[in-house]
Amino acid sequence: MLLGTASEAAALPYYPVADGVQLNVRSGPGTSYAIVRTLPVGAQVPINCQTPGTTVTGPYGTSNIWDNISNGQYVSDAYVKTGSDGYVAPRCG
């Protein structure tokens, strides 16, 4: 049996975005990066890895942690309900 990226991605837990929030997805870990898309209200996201970036205050506190949800796509961890104020996934890079 071969394990590939599809199998690994399927194993990632998904975390809910804050209630009532349409969350901007950015091309890098900070508010100065371009918005590449917007997640709809009720979205859930996988976290491939996490990295420090711009500090953001959101529904889940103030954090400089950014979650990589796909290749070249990041969201502020302050808007994702991970159940932790720290890292819940490996560091990116």
C-alpha atoms as a PDB file:
ATOM      1  CA  MET A   1       0.000   0.000   0.000  1.00  0.00           C
ATOM      2  CA  LEU A   2       1.400   3.372  -1.028  1.00  0.00           C
ATOM      3  CA  LEU A   3       0.859   6.488   1.041  1.00  0.00           C
ATOM      4  CA  GLY A   4       0.600   9.618  -1.016  1.00  0.00           C
ATOM      5  CA  THR A   5      -0.287  13.226  -0.469  1.00  0.00           C
ATOM      6  CA  ALA A   6      -4.002  12.552  -0.988  1.00  0.00           C
ATOM      7  CA  SER A   7      -3.961   9.999   1.838  1.00  0.00           C
ATOM      8  CA  GLU A   8      -1.966  12.322   4.056  1.00  0.00           C
ATOM      9  CA  ALA A   9      -4.293  15.281   3.337  1.00  0.00           C
ATOM     10  CA  ALA A  10      -7.349  13.157   4.091  1.00  0.00           C
ATOM     11  CA  ALA A  11      -5.868  12.379   7.512  1.00  0.00           C
ATOM     12  CA  LEU A  12      -5.532  16.053   8.514  1.00  0.00           C
ATOM     13  CA  PRO A  13      -8.091  17.282  11.043  1.00  0.00           C
ATOM     14  CA  TYR A  14     -10.311  20.182   9.990  1.00  0.00           C
ATOM     15  CA  TYR A  15     -10.848  23.185  12.250  1.00  0.00           C
ATOM     16  CA  PRO A  16     -13.847  25.547  12.163  1.00  0.00           C
ATOM     17  CA  VAL A  17     -13.490  29.215  11.245  1.00  0.00           C
ATOM     18  CA  ALA A  18     -15.092  31.609  13.767  1.00  0.00           C
ATOM     19  CA  ASP A  19     -18.898  31.780  13.624  1.00  0.00           C
ATOM     20  CA  GLY A  20     -20.288  34.329  11.183  1.00  0.00           C
ATOM     21  CA  VAL A  21     -16.897  35.165   9.652  1.00  0.00           C
ATOM     22  CA  GLN A  22     -16.016  35.279   5.960  1.00  0.00           C
ATOM     23  CA  LEU A  23     -12.262  34.829   6.298  1.00  0.00           C
ATOM     24  CA  ASN A  24      -9.702  36.267   3.902  1.00  0.00           C
ATOM     25  CA  VAL A  25      -7.125  33.763   2.670  1.00  0.00           C
ATOM     26  CA  ARG A  26      -3.776  35.378   1.900  1.00  0.00           C
ATOM     27  CA  SER A  27      -0.794  34.390  -0.225  1.00  0.00           C
ATOM     28  CA  GLY A  28       1.559  34.554   2.763  1.00  0.00           C
ATOM     29  CA  PRO A  29       1.563  34.758   6.564  1.00  0.00           C
ATOM     30  CA  GLY A  30       0.533  38.359   7.062  1.00  0.00           C
ATOM     31  CA  THR A  31      -1.967  41.101   6.340  1.00  0.00           C
ATOM     32  CA  SER A  32       0.359  42.706   3.775  1.00  0.00           C
ATOM     33  CA  TYR A  33       0.063  39.657   1.494  1.00  0.00           C
ATOM     34  CA  ALA A  34      -2.524  39.594  -1.300  1.00  0.00           C
ATOM     35  CA  ILE A  35      -5.969  38.127  -0.657  1.00  0.00           C
ATOM     36  CA  VAL A  36      -6.270  35.046  -2.877  1.00  0.00           C
ATOM     37  CA  ARG A  37      -9.841  34.086  -1.917  1.00  0.00           C
ATOM     38  CA  THR A  38     -12.410  34.435   0.858  1.00  0.00           C
ATOM     39  CA  LEU A  39     -13.756  31.496   2.847  1.00  0.00           C
ATOM     40  CA  PRO A  40     -17.547  31.416   3.282  1.00  0.00           C
ATOM     41  CA  VAL A  41     -19.305  31.576   6.655  1.00  0.00           C
ATOM     42  CA  GLY A  42     -19.216  28.119   8.261  1.00  0.00           C
ATOM     43  CA  ALA A  43     -15.983  27.027   6.576  1.00  0.00           C
ATOM     44  CA  GLN A  44     -13.629  24.485   8.096  1.00  0.00           C
ATOM     45  CA  VAL A  45      -9.953  24.324   7.203  1.00  0.00           C
ATOM     46  CA  PRO A  46      -7.117  21.799   7.385  1.00  0.00           C
ATOM     47  CA  ILE A  47      -3.836  23.041   8.848  1.00  0.00           C
ATOM     48  CA  ASN A  48      -0.868  21.673   6.912  1.00  0.00           C
ATOM     49  CA  CYS A  49       1.660  23.666   8.927  1.00  0.00           C
ATOM     50  CA  GLN A  50       1.910  26.909  10.895  1.00  0.00           C
ATOM     51  CA  THR A  51       4.305  29.843  10.797  1.00  0.00           C
ATOM     52  CA  PRO A  52       4.753  33.192  12.562  1.00  0.00           C
ATOM     53  CA  GLY A  53       3.659  36.344  10.751  1.00  0.00           C
ATOM     54  CA  THR A  54       1.680  39.543  11.298  1.00  0.00           C
ATOM     55  CA  THR A  55       0.001  39.742  14.718  1.00  0.00           C
ATOM     56  CA  VAL A  56      -3.795  39.748  14.378  1.00  0.00           C
ATOM     57  CA  THR A  57      -6.581  40.094  16.946  1.00  0.00           C
ATOM     58  CA  GLY A  58      -9.666  37.996  16.243  1.00  0.00           C
ATOM     59  CA  PRO A  59     -12.442  36.045  17.965  1.00  0.00           C
ATOM     60  CA  TYR A  60      -9.929  33.586  19.442  1.00  0.00           C
ATOM     61  CA  GLY A  61      -7.487  36.139  20.830  1.00  0.00           C
ATOM     62  CA  THR A  62      -4.378  37.865  19.551  1.00  0.00           C
ATOM     63  CA  SER A  63      -1.882  35.724  17.687  1.00  0.00           C
ATOM     64  CA  ASN A  64       1.030  35.953  15.257  1.00  0.00           C
ATOM     65  CA  ILE A  65       0.452  32.340  14.150  1.00  0.00           C
ATOM     66  CA  TRP A  66      -0.682  31.816  10.556  1.00  0.00           C
ATOM     67  CA  ASP A  67      -2.156  28.539   9.328  1.00  0.00           C
ATOM     68  CA  ASN A  68      -1.175  27.147   5.940  1.00  0.00           C
ATOM     69  CA  ILE A  69      -4.416  25.646   4.586  1.00  0.00           C
ATOM     70  CA  SER A  70      -3.197  24.897   1.062  1.00  0.00           C
ATOM     71  CA  ASN A  71      -0.207  25.627  -1.162  1.00  0.00           C
ATOM     72  CA  GLY A  72       0.359  29.398  -0.950  1.00  0.00           C
ATOM     73  CA  GLN A  73      -2.772  29.977   1.174  1.00  0.00           C
ATOM     74  CA  TYR A  74      -2.675  31.259   4.759  1.00  0.00           C
ATOM     75  CA  VAL A  75      -5.239  32.367   7.348  1.00  0.00           C
ATOM     76  CA  SER A  76      -4.721  33.985  10.739  1.00  0.00           C
ATOM     77  CA  ASP A  77      -4.957  31.465  13.575  1.00  0.00           C
ATOM     78  CA  ALA A  78      -6.868  34.114  15.591  1.00  0.00           C
ATOM     79  CA  TYR A  79      -9.903  33.223  13.428  1.00  0.00           C
ATOM     80  CA  VAL A  80      -9.577  29.427  13.569  1.00  0.00           C
ATOM     81  CA  LYS A  81     -10.876  27.402  16.527  1.00  0.00           C
ATOM     82  CA  THR A  82      -7.972  25.059  17.255  1.00  0.00           C
ATOM     83  CA  GLY A  83      -8.531  24.801  21.003  1.00  0.00           C
ATOM     84  CA  SER A  84      -5.027  26.135  21.665  1.00  0.00           C
ATOM     85  CA  ASP A  85      -3.215  29.480  21.858  1.00  0.00           C
ATOM     86  CA  GLY A  86      -0.091  27.788  20.488  1.00  0.00           C
ATOM     87  CA  TYR A  87       0.968  25.649  17.590  1.00  0.00           C
ATOM     88  CA  VAL A  88      -1.193  22.603  16.778  1.00  0.00           C
ATOM     89  CA  ALA A  89       0.661  21.588  13.591  1.00  0.00           C
ATOM     90  CA  PRO A  90       4.321  21.427  12.518  1.00  0.00           C
ATOM     91  CA  ARG A  91       6.123  24.641  11.624  1.00  0.00           C
ATOM     92  CA  CYS A  92       6.171  25.467   7.910  1.00  0.00           C
ATOM     93  CA  GLY A  93       9.441  25.397   6.071  1.00  0.00           C
END
